[in-house]
């Protein structure tokens, strides 16, 4: 009977060690309580990069209502770090298509989407990185937006 308990304890111990590993991602979001995203207030997110041998996926995160008026969203991303000057890029991101409807996962009338901003993972330099994002849509404030954010994931090598 003592051997059985040692085996069970060993399995539980190994599972607890595995469960304590850090998740290779970081996500920061801004909640829009009035369900409006105002472009005059850009959102700033800070990520500390310590692993420079790794490639990273930079992902735009959005949660919106089914009543969102468009099939896409235009966003402007400004990225700077302690060792690099700021770079600004504009992205036209598809949220829906004519065949499938909304491309993200949804429940009831709320849809979550995680859209990679770059086709390939990118290398990020050591240090603090600042990502500032705002929408560049004609409608301002943009209606039916619950939350937006940036997600940084380590890419599989």
Foldseek 3Di string as FASTA:
>chain_A
DVVVVVVVVVVVVVVVVVVPDDAQKDKDKDFDVQQWAAQVDWDKDKDFDDDQVFFKWKKKKWKFFLVQDDQWFKKKKWKDFPPGDIDIDIDIGGQADPPPGGPADDDDGMGIDIGTPDPDTHGDDGGMMMIIMGTDDPDGRRGGTGMIIMMMGTDDD
